[in-house]
Structure formats: structure tokens, C-alpha cells
PDB file of N, CA and C in Angstrom:
ATOM      1  N   MET A   1     -13.648  -1.523  -7.852  1.00  0.00           N
ATOM      2  CA  MET A   1     -12.969  -0.832  -6.777  1.00  0.00           C
ATOM      3  C   MET A   1     -11.843  -1.728  -6.251  1.00  0.00           C
ATOM      4  N   LYS A   2     -10.687  -1.130  -6.068  1.00  0.00           N
ATOM      5  CA  LYS A   2      -9.523  -1.843  -5.542  1.00  0.00           C
ATOM      6  C   LYS A   2      -9.468  -1.666  -4.029  1.00  0.00           C
ATOM      7  N   THR A   3      -9.036  -2.709  -3.351  1.00  0.00           N
ATOM      8  CA  THR A   3      -8.810  -2.642  -1.919  1.00  0.00           C
ATOM      9  C   THR A   3      -7.304  -2.636  -1.688  1.00  0.00           C
ATOM     10  N   VAL A   4      -6.809  -1.554  -1.106  1.00  0.00           N
ATOM     11  CA  VAL A   4      -5.381  -1.405  -0.851  1.00  0.00           C
ATOM     12  C   VAL A   4      -5.161  -1.374   0.653  1.00  0.00           C
ATOM     13  N   LYS A   5      -4.237  -2.202   1.110  1.00  0.00           N
ATOM     14  CA  LYS A   5      -3.865  -2.201   2.526  1.00  0.00           C
ATOM     15  C   LYS A   5      -2.418  -1.746   2.634  1.00  0.00           C
ATOM     16  N   ILE A   6      -2.183  -0.837   3.559  1.00  0.00           N
ATOM     17  CA  ILE A   6      -0.835  -0.347   3.815  1.00  0.00           C
ATOM     18  C   ILE A   6      -0.444  -0.831   5.201  1.00  0.00           C
ATOM     19  N   TYR A   7       0.634  -1.606   5.239  1.00  0.00           N
ATOM     20  CA  TYR A   7       1.106  -2.199   6.482  1.00  0.00           C
ATOM     21  C   TYR A   7       2.289  -1.397   7.015  1.00  0.00           C
ATOM     22  N   GLY A   8       2.182  -0.943   8.256  1.00  0.00           N
ATOM     23  CA  GLY A   8       3.286  -0.226   8.878  1.00  0.00           C
ATOM     24  C   GLY A   8       2.853   0.417  10.184  1.00  0.00           C
ATOM     25  N   PRO A   9       3.835   0.846  10.973  1.00  0.00           N
ATOM     26  CA  PRO A   9       3.538   1.385  12.297  1.00  0.00           C
ATOM     27  C   PRO A   9       3.015   2.816  12.299  1.00  0.00           C
ATOM     28  N   GLY A  10       2.945   3.450  11.132  1.00  0.00           N
ATOM     29  CA  GLY A  10       2.469   4.828  11.070  1.00  0.00           C
ATOM     30  C   GLY A  10       3.607   5.827  10.918  1.00  0.00           C
ATOM     31  N   CYS A  11       4.721   5.362  10.415  1.00  0.00           N
ATOM     32  CA  CYS A  11       5.900   6.219  10.234  1.00  0.00           C
ATOM     33  C   CYS A  11       5.701   7.150   9.036  1.00  0.00           C
ATOM     34  N   LYS A  12       6.653   8.045   8.831  1.00  0.00           N
ATOM     35  CA  LYS A  12       6.580   8.995   7.712  1.00  0.00           C
ATOM     36  C   LYS A  12       6.508   8.281   6.366  1.00  0.00           C
ATOM     37  N   ARG A  13       7.271   7.188   6.202  1.00  0.00           N
ATOM     38  CA  ARG A  13       7.229   6.433   4.938  1.00  0.00           C
ATOM     39  C   ARG A  13       5.863   5.818   4.721  1.00  0.00           C
ATOM     40  N   CYS A  14       5.238   5.351   5.795  1.00  0.00           N
ATOM     41  CA  CYS A  14       3.901   4.760   5.685  1.00  0.00           C
ATOM     42  C   CYS A  14       2.889   5.825   5.259  1.00  0.00           C
ATOM     43  N   GLU A  15       2.992   7.001   5.853  1.00  0.00           N
ATOM     44  CA  GLU A  15       2.089   8.096   5.497  1.00  0.00           C
ATOM     45  C   GLU A  15       2.324   8.537   4.049  1.00  0.00           C
ATOM     46  N   ALA A  16       3.593   8.596   3.635  1.00  0.00           N
ATOM     47  CA  ALA A  16       3.919   8.976   2.261  1.00  0.00           C
ATOM     48  C   ALA A  16       3.398   7.931   1.277  1.00  0.00           C
ATOM     49  N   THR A  17       3.483   6.651   1.653  1.00  0.00           N
ATOM     50  CA  THR A  17       2.977   5.583   0.792  1.00  0.00           C
ATOM     51  C   THR A  17       1.468   5.714   0.619  1.00  0.00           C
ATOM     52  N   GLU A  18       0.767   5.988   1.702  1.00  0.00           N
ATOM     53  CA  GLU A  18      -0.684   6.178   1.613  1.00  0.00           C
ATOM     54  C   GLU A  18      -1.017   7.341   0.683  1.00  0.00           C
ATOM     55  N   ALA A  19      -0.302   8.438   0.815  1.00  0.00           N
ATOM     56  CA  ALA A  19      -0.539   9.601  -0.039  1.00  0.00           C
ATOM     57  C   ALA A  19      -0.268   9.258  -1.504  1.00  0.00           C
ATOM     58  N   MET A  20       0.808   8.497  -1.758  1.00  0.00           N
ATOM     59  CA  MET A  20       1.127   8.079  -3.128  1.00  0.00           C
ATOM     60  C   MET A  20       0.001   7.240  -3.720  1.00  0.00           C
ATOM     61  N   VAL A  21      -0.527   6.309  -2.921  1.00  0.00           N
ATOM     62  CA  VAL A  21      -1.610   5.438  -3.393  1.00  0.00           C
ATOM     63  C   VAL A  21      -2.841   6.273  -3.739  1.00  0.00           C
ATOM     64  N   ARG A  22      -3.219   7.150  -2.840  1.00  0.00           N
ATOM     65  CA  ARG A  22      -4.416   7.974  -3.066  1.00  0.00           C
ATOM     66  C   ARG A  22      -4.235   8.901  -4.279  1.00  0.00           C
ATOM     67  N   ASP A  23      -3.068   9.536  -4.379  1.00  0.00           N
ATOM     68  CA  ASP A  23      -2.814  10.445  -5.499  1.00  0.00           C
ATOM     69  C   ASP A  23      -2.796   9.710  -6.833  1.00  0.00           C
ATOM     70  N   THR A  24      -2.130   8.557  -6.863  1.00  0.00           N
ATOM     71  CA  THR A  24      -2.035   7.777  -8.096  1.00  0.00           C
ATOM     72  C   THR A  24      -3.408   7.274  -8.520  1.00  0.00           C
ATOM     73  N   ALA A  25      -4.183   6.788  -7.564  1.00  0.00           N
ATOM     74  CA  ALA A  25      -5.529   6.296  -7.879  1.00  0.00           C
ATOM     75  C   ALA A  25      -6.395   7.424  -8.432  1.00  0.00           C
ATOM     76  N   ALA A  26      -6.309   8.601  -7.827  1.00  0.00           N
ATOM     77  CA  ALA A  26      -7.105   9.743  -8.296  1.00  0.00           C
ATOM     78  C   ALA A  26      -6.682  10.142  -9.707  1.00  0.00           C
ATOM     79  N   ARG A  27      -5.387  10.148  -9.964  1.00  0.00           N
ATOM     80  CA  ARG A  27      -4.879  10.527 -11.284  1.00  0.00           C
ATOM     81  C   ARG A  27      -5.311   9.528 -12.350  1.00  0.00           C
ATOM     82  N   LEU A  28      -5.355   8.222 -11.971  1.00  0.00           N
ATOM     83  CA  LEU A  28      -5.739   7.181 -12.921  1.00  0.00           C
ATOM     84  C   LEU A  28      -7.252   7.007 -13.026  1.00  0.00           C
ATOM     85  N   GLY A  29      -7.985   7.624 -12.106  1.00  0.00           N
ATOM     86  CA  GLY A  29      -9.437   7.466 -12.097  1.00  0.00           C
ATOM     87  C   GLY A  29      -9.881   6.119 -11.557  1.00  0.00           C
ATOM     88  N   VAL A  30      -9.046   5.523 -10.708  1.00  0.00           N
ATOM     89  CA  VAL A  30      -9.346   4.219 -10.112  1.00  0.00           C
ATOM     90  C   VAL A  30      -9.891   4.439  -8.703  1.00  0.00           C
ATOM     91  N   LYS A  31     -11.028   3.840  -8.412  1.00  0.00           N
ATOM     92  CA  LYS A  31     -11.585   3.946  -7.072  1.00  0.00           C
ATOM     93  C   LYS A  31     -10.884   2.954  -6.161  1.00  0.00           C
ATOM     94  N   VAL A  32     -10.429   3.434  -5.008  1.00  0.00           N
ATOM     95  CA  VAL A  32      -9.737   2.573  -4.054  1.00  0.00           C
ATOM     96  C   VAL A  32     -10.292   2.761  -2.655  1.00  0.00           C
ATOM     97  N   THR A  33     -10.212   1.689  -1.896  1.00  0.00           N
ATOM     98  CA  THR A  33     -10.453   1.732  -0.474  1.00  0.00           C
ATOM     99  C   THR A  33      -9.099   1.486   0.171  1.00  0.00           C
ATOM    100  N   VAL A  34      -8.636   2.424   0.990  1.00  0.00           N
ATOM    101  CA  VAL A  34      -7.328   2.291   1.622  1.00  0.00           C
ATOM    102  C   VAL A  34      -7.516   1.977   3.096  1.00  0.00           C
ATOM    103  N   GLU A  35      -6.870   0.906   3.531  1.00  0.00           N
ATOM    104  CA  GLU A  35      -6.917   0.496   4.936  1.00  0.00           C
ATOM    105  C   GLU A  35      -5.491   0.474   5.459  1.00  0.00           C
ATOM    106  N   LYS A  36      -5.286   1.099   6.622  1.00  0.00           N
ATOM    107  CA  LYS A  36      -3.958   1.102   7.240  1.00  0.00           C
ATOM    108  C   LYS A  36      -3.933   0.038   8.330  1.00  0.00           C
ATOM    109  N   ILE A  37      -2.930  -0.829   8.257  1.00  0.00           N
ATOM    110  CA  ILE A  37      -2.764  -1.898   9.243  1.00  0.00           C
ATOM    111  C   ILE A  37      -1.512  -1.588  10.054  1.00  0.00           C
ATOM    112  N   SER A  38      -1.675  -1.337  11.347  1.00  0.00           N
ATOM    113  CA  SER A  38      -0.521  -0.986  12.176  1.00  0.00           C
ATOM    114  C   SER A  38      -0.221  -2.004  13.273  1.00  0.00           C
ATOM    115  N   ASP A  39      -1.065  -3.010  13.402  1.00  0.00           N
ATOM    116  CA  ASP A  39      -0.852  -4.042  14.408  1.00  0.00           C
ATOM    117  C   ASP A  39       0.298  -4.959  13.982  1.00  0.00           C
ATOM    118  N   ALA A  40       1.317  -5.080  14.828  1.00  0.00           N
ATOM    119  CA  ALA A  40       2.527  -5.847  14.491  1.00  0.00           C
ATOM    120  C   ALA A  40       2.209  -7.295  14.125  1.00  0.00           C
ATOM    121  N   LYS A  41       1.275  -7.917  14.824  1.00  0.00           N
ATOM    122  CA  LYS A  41       0.920  -9.303  14.533  1.00  0.00           C
ATOM    123  C   LYS A  41       0.282  -9.419  13.145  1.00  0.00           C
ATOM    124  N   SER A  42      -0.613  -8.501  12.817  1.00  0.00           N
ATOM    125  CA  SER A  42      -1.262  -8.513  11.509  1.00  0.00           C
ATOM    126  C   SER A  42      -0.264  -8.253  10.387  1.00  0.00           C
ATOM    127  N   ILE A  43       0.694  -7.366  10.646  1.00  0.00           N
ATOM    128  CA  ILE A  43       1.731  -7.072   9.656  1.00  0.00           C
ATOM    129  C   ILE A  43       2.551  -8.332   9.384  1.00  0.00           C
ATOM    130  N   ALA A  44       2.960  -9.011  10.447  1.00  0.00           N
ATOM    131  CA  ALA A  44       3.750 -10.237  10.297  1.00  0.00           C
ATOM    132  C   ALA A  44       2.949 -11.338   9.604  1.00  0.00           C
ATOM    133  N   MET A  45       1.677 -11.474   9.952  1.00  0.00           N
ATOM    134  CA  MET A  45       0.843 -12.515   9.353  1.00  0.00           C
ATOM    135  C   MET A  45       0.634 -12.270   7.850  1.00  0.00           C
ATOM    136  N   ALA A  46       0.733 -11.018   7.429  1.00  0.00           N
ATOM    137  CA  ALA A  46       0.595 -10.692   6.009  1.00  0.00           C
ATOM    138  C   ALA A  46       1.881 -10.974   5.239  1.00  0.00           C
ATOM    139  N   GLY A  47       2.948 -11.314   5.961  1.00  0.00           N
ATOM    140  CA  GLY A  47       4.223 -11.617   5.310  1.00  0.00           C
ATOM    141  C   GLY A  47       5.101 -10.409   5.083  1.00  0.00           C
ATOM    142  N   VAL A  48       4.769  -9.292   5.714  1.00  0.00           N
ATOM    143  CA  VAL A  48       5.557  -8.065   5.554  1.00  0.00           C
ATOM    144  C   VAL A  48       6.711  -8.095   6.553  1.00  0.00           C
ATOM    145  N   MET A  49       7.931  -8.166   6.031  1.00  0.00           N
ATOM    146  CA  MET A  49       9.118  -8.206   6.886  1.00  0.00           C
ATOM    147  C   MET A  49       9.765  -6.830   7.029  1.00  0.00           C
ATOM    148  N   SER A  50       9.444  -5.934   6.107  1.00  0.00           N
ATOM    149  CA  SER A  50       9.979  -4.572   6.136  1.00  0.00           C
ATOM    150  C   SER A  50       8.853  -3.635   5.729  1.00  0.00           C
ATOM    151  N   THR A  51       8.655  -2.582   6.511  1.00  0.00           N
ATOM    152  CA  THR A  51       7.544  -1.672   6.241  1.00  0.00           C
ATOM    153  C   THR A  51       8.022  -0.434   5.499  1.00  0.00           C
ATOM    154  N   PRO A  52       7.147   0.247   4.821  1.00  0.00           N
ATOM    155  CA  PRO A  52       5.741  -0.084   4.645  1.00  0.00           C
ATOM    156  C   PRO A  52       5.527  -1.205   3.630  1.00  0.00           C
ATOM    157  N   GLY A  53       4.465  -1.935   3.848  1.00  0.00           N
ATOM    158  CA  GLY A  53       4.052  -2.968   2.910  1.00  0.00           C
ATOM    159  C   GLY A  53       2.756  -2.530   2.244  1.00  0.00           C
ATOM    160  N   VAL A  54       2.539  -3.011   1.033  1.00  0.00           N
ATOM    161  CA  VAL A  54       1.329  -2.655   0.291  1.00  0.00           C
ATOM    162  C   VAL A  54       0.740  -3.929  -0.310  1.00  0.00           C
ATOM    163  N   SER A  55      -0.554  -4.117  -0.100  1.00  0.00           N
ATOM    164  CA  SER A  55      -1.254  -5.194  -0.793  1.00  0.00           C
ATOM    165  C   SER A  55      -2.396  -4.583  -1.583  1.00  0.00           C
ATOM    166  N   VAL A  56      -2.641  -5.166  -2.751  1.00  0.00           N
ATOM    167  CA  VAL A  56      -3.733  -4.723  -3.615  1.00  0.00           C
ATOM    168  C   VAL A  56      -4.629  -5.921  -3.861  1.00  0.00           C
ATOM    169  N   ASP A  57      -5.880  -5.792  -3.465  1.00  0.00           N
ATOM    170  CA  ASP A  57      -6.863  -6.870  -3.599  1.00  0.00           C
ATOM    171  C   ASP A  57      -6.349  -8.184  -3.013  1.00  0.00           C
ATOM    172  N   GLY A  58      -5.731  -8.097  -1.839  1.00  0.00           N
ATOM    173  CA  GLY A  58      -5.297  -9.283  -1.110  1.00  0.00           C
ATOM    174  C   GLY A  58      -3.936  -9.834  -1.496  1.00  0.00           C
ATOM    175  N   LYS A  59      -3.273  -9.240  -2.479  1.00  0.00           N
ATOM    176  CA  LYS A  59      -1.960  -9.723  -2.916  1.00  0.00           C
ATOM    177  C   LYS A  59      -0.885  -8.735  -2.471  1.00  0.00           C
ATOM    178  N   LEU A  60       0.093  -9.222  -1.707  1.00  0.00           N
ATOM    179  CA  LEU A  60       1.197  -8.383  -1.262  1.00  0.00           C
ATOM    180  C   LEU A  60       2.061  -8.045  -2.478  1.00  0.00           C
ATOM    181  N   VAL A  61       2.183  -6.758  -2.779  1.00  0.00           N
ATOM    182  CA  VAL A  61       2.921  -6.333  -3.968  1.00  0.00           C
ATOM    183  C   VAL A  61       4.194  -5.572  -3.638  1.00  0.00           C
ATOM    184  N   HIS A  62       4.353  -5.147  -2.377  1.00  0.00           N
ATOM    185  CA  HIS A  62       5.523  -4.336  -2.024  1.00  0.00           C
ATOM    186  C   HIS A  62       5.794  -4.425  -0.531  1.00  0.00           C
ATOM    187  N   ALA A  63       7.068  -4.399  -0.185  1.00  0.00           N
ATOM    188  CA  ALA A  63       7.470  -4.312   1.222  1.00  0.00           C
ATOM    189  C   ALA A  63       8.811  -3.591   1.308  1.00  0.00           C
ATOM    190  N   GLY A  64       8.908  -2.631   2.217  1.00  0.00           N
ATOM    191  CA  GLY A  64      10.156  -1.927   2.483  1.00  0.00           C
ATOM    192  C   GLY A  64      10.370  -0.701   1.631  1.00  0.00           C
ATOM    193  N   GLY A  65      10.371   0.471   2.244  1.00  0.00           N
ATOM    194  CA  GLY A  65      10.622   1.713   1.525  1.00  0.00           C
ATOM    195  C   GLY A  65       9.426   2.167   0.713  1.00  0.00           C
ATOM    196  N   LEU A  66       9.589   3.306   0.083  1.00  0.00           N
ATOM    197  CA  LEU A  66       8.515   3.838  -0.746  1.00  0.00           C
ATOM    198  C   LEU A  66       8.403   3.038  -2.038  1.00  0.00           C
ATOM    199  N   PRO A  67       7.194   2.740  -2.466  1.00  0.00           N
ATOM    200  CA  PRO A  67       7.035   2.002  -3.723  1.00  0.00           C
ATOM    201  C   PRO A  67       7.412   2.869  -4.922  1.00  0.00           C
ATOM    202  N   ASP A  68       7.839   2.225  -5.974  1.00  0.00           N
ATOM    203  CA  ASP A  68       8.162   2.893  -7.231  1.00  0.00           C
ATOM    204  C   ASP A  68       6.855   3.394  -7.852  1.00  0.00           C
ATOM    205  N   ALA A  69       6.844   4.654  -8.287  1.00  0.00           N
ATOM    206  CA  ALA A  69       5.624   5.259  -8.822  1.00  0.00           C
ATOM    207  C   ALA A  69       5.081   4.511 -10.039  1.00  0.00           C
ATOM    208  N   ALA A  70       5.957   4.075 -10.933  1.00  0.00           N
ATOM    209  CA  ALA A  70       5.512   3.352 -12.132  1.00  0.00           C
ATOM    210  C   ALA A  70       4.901   2.006 -11.759  1.00  0.00           C
ATOM    211  N   LYS A  71       5.508   1.316 -10.805  1.00  0.00           N
ATOM    212  CA  LYS A  71       4.954   0.030 -10.371  1.00  0.00           C
ATOM    213  C   LYS A  71       3.607   0.239  -9.685  1.00  0.00           C
ATOM    214  N   LEU A  72       3.489   1.300  -8.909  1.00  0.00           N
ATOM    215  CA  LEU A  72       2.235   1.601  -8.232  1.00  0.00           C
ATOM    216  C   LEU A  72       1.116   1.797  -9.257  1.00  0.00           C
ATOM    217  N   GLU A  73       1.412   2.495 -10.338  1.00  0.00           N
ATOM    218  CA  GLU A  73       0.427   2.675 -11.403  1.00  0.00           C
ATOM    219  C   GLU A  73      -0.002   1.324 -11.980  1.00  0.00           C
ATOM    220  N   THR A  74       0.977   0.443 -12.186  1.00  0.00           N
ATOM    221  CA  THR A  74       0.687  -0.890 -12.733  1.00  0.00           C
ATOM    222  C   THR A  74      -0.199  -1.686 -11.787  1.00  0.00           C
ATOM    223  N   TRP A  75       0.109  -1.654 -10.498  1.00  0.00           N
ATOM    224  CA  TRP A  75      -0.680  -2.409  -9.521  1.00  0.00           C
ATOM    225  C   TRP A  75      -2.110  -1.916  -9.471  1.00  0.00           C
ATOM    226  N   LEU A  76      -2.295  -0.603  -9.532  1.00  0.00           N
ATOM    227  CA  LEU A  76      -3.645  -0.059  -9.427  1.00  0.00           C
ATOM    228  C   LEU A  76      -4.427  -0.191 -10.738  1.00  0.00           C
ATOM    229  N   SER A  77      -3.726  -0.280 -11.845  1.00  0.00           N
ATOM    230  CA  SER A  77      -4.393  -0.404 -13.152  1.00  0.00           C
ATOM    231  C   SER A  77      -4.788  -1.832 -13.476  1.00  0.00           C
ATOM    232  N   ALA A  78      -4.118  -2.804 -12.872  1.00  0.00           N
ATOM    233  CA  ALA A  78      -4.354  -4.216 -13.197  1.00  0.00           C
ATOM    234  C   ALA A  78      -5.730  -4.673 -12.780  1.00  0.00           C
TER     235      ALA A  78
END
């Protein structure tokens, strides 16, 4: 099971990123736990300078804008 954290204040891009993660995981058959982090201090401590940010199993893999669908597949498949 993969642990995915989405860092952001809860904006439309953050919600879209969460939906992308869930949809991609379901399509790939990968079980994920998705946690949304909206606390500004926690976002900064994770090293996210632009939201939304995405970490997979503790590794920050994306920050700023919607993630690329192909890269998202790679992150969840690894």
C-alpha cells in the first residue's frame, strides 16, 4: 500500500490532484492511503514551496500545479 500526501490549502487544484491520485491508483490497481495536509507550517516543513505538493511514501515528488498524468502513474507504480 502506498501512502500519498497532498499538500495544499484545499484549492481547486488540490482537489483535482487528489482526484487524479485516486483515479490513477484505482486504474492501476494500486492501493493507496491519501492524506490531505492543509496546515501552512506542515506544508513548509515538507519543502513544498508551491501547491499542490504530492509525496509518495515520504518522498516529495511534485510541487506546483497539477501533476503530469504519466509521471503520476510512474510514482504510484514504483
